[in-house]
Protein backbone atom coordinates (compact mmCIF):
# COMPACT_ATOMS: atom_id res chain seq x y z
CA MET A 1 0.06 -0.12 0.26
CA PRO A 2 1.34 3.66 -0.86
CA ASP A 3 3.29 5.06 2.05
CA LEU A 4 3.06 8.43 0.73
CA LEU A 5 -0.37 9.91 -1.36
CA PRO A 6 -0.39 13.78 -1.63
CA GLN A 7 -3.09 15.47 -3.30
CA ASP A 8 -2.73 18.82 -4.60
CA THR A 9 -5.70 21.27 -3.87
CA ASP A 10 -6.12 21.91 -7.84
CA VAL A 11 -6.46 17.80 -8.69
CA MET A 12 -10.22 16.32 -9.10
CA TRP A 13 -10.31 13.30 -8.44
CA LEU A 14 -13.09 11.23 -10.38
CA ARG A 15 -12.36 7.75 -9.17
CA ASN A 16 -10.12 5.74 -7.23
CA PRO A 17 -6.46 6.33 -8.79
CA LEU A 18 -5.14 3.08 -6.87
CA SER A 19 -6.48 0.95 -9.90
CA ARG A 20 -3.66 2.57 -12.52
CA LEU A 21 -0.93 2.87 -10.08
CA SER A 22 1.56 -0.36 -9.25
CA ILE A 23 1.28 -0.28 -6.03
CA TYR A 24 2.05 -3.94 -5.68
CA ASN A 25 5.67 -3.48 -8.22
CA GLU A 26 8.27 -2.58 -5.43
CA SER A 27 10.76 -1.79 -7.92
CA VAL A 28 8.68 1.43 -8.83
CA ASP A 29 9.81 4.20 -6.16
CA LEU A 30 7.96 7.20 -8.23
CA GLN A 31 4.88 7.25 -10.05
CA ILE A 32 4.26 10.84 -11.21
CA SER A 33 1.49 12.76 -13.24
CA THR A 34 2.47 15.08 -16.73
CA ASP A 35 1.40 17.78 -18.77
CA TRP A 36 2.17 15.85 -21.68
CA PHE A 37 2.79 12.02 -21.97
CA ASN A 38 5.06 10.86 -24.75
CA GLY A 39 3.80 7.48 -24.56
CA ASP A 40 6.74 6.03 -23.04
CA PRO A 41 6.03 5.63 -18.94
CA GLN A 42 9.81 5.29 -18.12
CA SER A 43 10.97 8.14 -20.05
CA GLU A 44 12.25 11.04 -18.42
CA LYS A 45 11.30 13.13 -21.49
CA ASN A 46 7.80 13.49 -20.41
CA ALA A 47 6.88 16.71 -18.80
CA ILE A 48 5.96 15.83 -15.29
CA ASN A 49 3.82 17.82 -13.17
CA THR A 50 3.41 17.60 -9.43
CA GLY A 51 -0.63 17.45 -9.69
CA PHE A 52 -0.43 13.76 -8.18
CA TYR A 53 2.20 11.28 -7.57
CA TYR A 54 2.49 8.00 -5.81
CA VAL A 55 5.77 7.32 -3.67
CA ARG A 56 7.43 4.72 -2.13
CA SER A 57 8.89 5.44 1.13
CA ASN A 58 12.39 4.27 0.91
CA ASN A 59 16.04 5.70 1.33
CA LYS A 60 16.14 6.51 -2.38
CA THR A 61 12.80 8.52 -2.37
CA ILE A 62 14.02 9.85 0.82
CA SER A 63 17.09 10.99 -0.66
CA LEU A 64 14.94 12.68 -3.51
CA PHE A 65 12.73 14.67 -1.04
CA ASP A 66 15.46 15.70 0.69
CA ALA A 67 17.28 17.16 -2.38
CA TRP A 68 14.20 18.49 -3.92
CA TYR A 69 13.06 20.63 -0.99
CA GLY A 70 16.35 21.73 0.06
CA ARG A 71 16.87 23.10 -3.55
CA LYS A 72 13.09 24.51 -3.57
CA ASP A 73 13.62 26.14 -0.21
CA ASN A 74 16.60 27.89 -1.68
CA SER A 75 15.09 28.64 -5.26
CA THR A 76 13.45 32.19 -5.71
CA GLY A 77 10.97 32.32 -8.35
CA LYS A 78 10.50 28.60 -8.85
CA LYS A 79 7.89 26.40 -8.01
CA GLU A 80 8.32 23.04 -6.65
CA GLN A 81 7.58 21.22 -10.02
CA ASP A 82 10.21 23.30 -11.72
CA VAL A 83 12.96 22.38 -9.32
CA LEU A 84 12.00 18.72 -9.28
CA PHE A 85 12.14 19.02 -13.35
CA ASP A 86 15.25 20.39 -13.08
CA LEU A 87 16.72 17.85 -10.72
CA MET A 88 15.44 15.01 -12.92
CA LYS A 89 17.14 16.76 -16.09
CA GLU A 90 20.53 16.85 -13.97
CA GLY A 91 20.04 13.30 -13.42
CA ILE A 92 18.99 12.95 -10.20
CA PHE A 93 17.03 9.65 -11.10
CA GLY A 94 20.09 7.83 -12.39
CA ARG A 95 22.34 8.64 -9.67
CA LEU A 96 19.71 7.44 -6.73
CA GLU A 97 18.94 4.53 -8.75
CA LEU A 98 15.28 5.48 -8.42
CA HIS A 99 12.66 4.20 -11.08
CA ALA A 100 10.09 6.37 -12.02
CA ARG A 101 6.96 5.83 -13.64
CA PHE A 102 5.22 8.51 -15.88
CA LEU A 103 1.57 8.29 -16.00
CA ASP A 104 -0.69 8.81 -18.86
CA THR A 105 -2.88 11.79 -19.48
CA VAL A 106 -5.65 9.23 -20.62
CA TYR A 107 -6.16 8.48 -17.05
CA PHE A 108 -3.99 11.39 -15.19
CA SER A 109 -5.38 14.47 -17.27
CA GLY A 110 -4.93 17.81 -17.03
CA PHE A 111 -5.92 21.10 -18.60
CA CYS A 112 -2.46 20.98 -20.64
CA THR A 113 -3.86 17.79 -22.39
CA ASP A 114 -7.67 16.63 -21.53
CA SER A 115 -8.27 12.60 -21.55
CA LYS A 116 -9.88 11.27 -24.46
CA ASP A 117 -11.36 9.01 -22.77
CA ILE A 118 -14.18 9.85 -20.08
CA LYS A 119 -14.79 6.02 -19.27
CA ALA A 120 -11.29 6.03 -18.28
CA VAL A 121 -10.07 9.23 -16.76
CA ILE A 122 -9.36 9.31 -12.70
CA THR A 123 -8.21 12.31 -12.08
CA VAL A 124 -7.92 16.17 -13.86
CA HIS A 125 -5.26 18.69 -12.87
CA ALA A 126 -5.64 22.48 -13.68
CA ASN A 127 -2.47 22.89 -14.67
CA CYS A 128 -1.21 24.87 -17.41
CA CYS A 129 -3.28 27.90 -15.90
CA ARG A 130 -1.67 30.98 -14.18
CA SER A 131 -4.54 32.09 -11.37
CA ILE A 132 -6.55 30.21 -8.70
CA ASN A 133 -10.06 32.05 -9.87
CA ALA A 134 -9.34 30.58 -13.46
CA LYS A 135 -8.29 27.12 -11.90
CA VAL A 136 -11.61 26.80 -10.02
CA LYS A 137 -13.86 28.33 -12.56
CA ASP A 138 -12.73 25.36 -15.01
CA LEU A 139 -12.54 22.47 -12.11
CA THR A 140 -16.39 23.64 -11.71
CA ALA A 141 -17.11 23.13 -15.26
CA VAL A 142 -14.87 19.90 -15.24
CA LEU A 143 -17.41 18.88 -12.08
CA ARG A 144 -20.18 19.55 -14.44
CA ASP A 145 -19.06 17.46 -17.53
CA TRP A 146 -18.63 14.81 -14.87
CA LYS A 147 -22.11 14.92 -13.56
CA LYS A 148 -23.68 15.30 -17.02
CA PHE A 149 -21.65 11.96 -18.21
CA LYS A 150 -22.23 10.47 -15.17
CA ALA A 151 -26.20 10.82 -15.49
CA THR A 152 -26.41 10.41 -19.45
CA SER A 153 -24.64 6.87 -18.66
CA ALA A 154 -26.90 5.72 -15.80
CA LYS A 155 -29.80 6.65 -18.01
CA ALA A 156 -28.42 4.42 -20.95
CA ALA A 157 -27.51 1.98 -18.23
CA ALA A 158 -31.24 2.19 -17.00
CA ALA A 159 -32.63 2.05 -20.61
CA ARG A 160 -29.87 -1.17 -21.29
CA SER A 161 -29.14 0.99 -24.34
CA ASN A 162 -25.71 0.34 -25.94
CA VAL A 163 -25.80 3.69 -27.60
CA THR A 164 -22.37 5.54 -27.08
CA VAL A 165 -23.02 9.09 -25.63
CA PRO A 166 -20.76 11.49 -27.39
CA PHE A 167 -18.85 13.46 -24.79
CA ARG A 168 -16.91 16.42 -24.99
CA TRP A 169 -14.95 18.25 -21.84
CA THR A 170 -15.82 22.24 -21.61
CA GLY A 171 -13.05 24.09 -22.57
CA HIS A 172 -10.67 25.62 -20.17
CA PHE A 173 -11.47 28.90 -20.86
CA GLY A 174 -10.52 30.43 -17.58
CA CYS A 175 -7.36 28.88 -17.82
CA TRP A 176 -6.52 29.87 -21.19
CA ASN A 177 -7.38 33.47 -20.80
CA SER A 178 -5.32 33.43 -17.54
CA TRP A 179 -2.00 33.84 -19.87
CA ASN A 180 -3.53 37.40 -21.25
CA THR A 181 -4.07 38.92 -17.86
CA LYS A 182 -1.42 40.13 -15.38
CA VAL A 183 -1.48 37.83 -12.20
C-alpha cells in the first residue's frame, strides 16, 4: 500500500487512482503525472507535473525529497514542480537509482492535455493555468461535465442501451484566458 499519496489542491479525483498505479511493484519508487505524455512511462522526456504523484517510501525517495525540498526552499521564483524537473534533467533519478513511472494523461488528465476517454479518466489537474480563480472556474466546469456524463451513462444503463453517448470536455477558458492577464 502507498506510503505517501499527496493530493494537490488543484486536482479533482473522479475515480480511485490506486487501480491505475503499480502499487505492488516494489521496483517503482515514484509515479508522477505529466503535462504531456510521450507514450513511454519510463521516459524522463515526459513533462512532469506535481499535481498527482505516488511515492514509495525508501532511502531513494527520502534522498530525492531531501534534495528537492532543500533546493526548492532556496530557489527564488521557482515552483516545486520546476525544481523537481530541473533535478530530473540533471540526472538525480539515475544517481539515486530511483525508478520513476510517468503517468498517461488518458488516466491522469489535466488542462494541458485532456483525457480523450471519459470512461478511463481518473484525475483532472488544473495545470497550464496562471490563477486560482481560473482554476476554480474550470474545475467547476469539469465537475459539471462529469456529473452530466454520469447522469447520461446512468440513463443509458437503465434503458439497457448500447448507444455510445458522445462526450467532450468544456473548454478551459478561464485557464486559457489567464495567460492574457496579469496575475
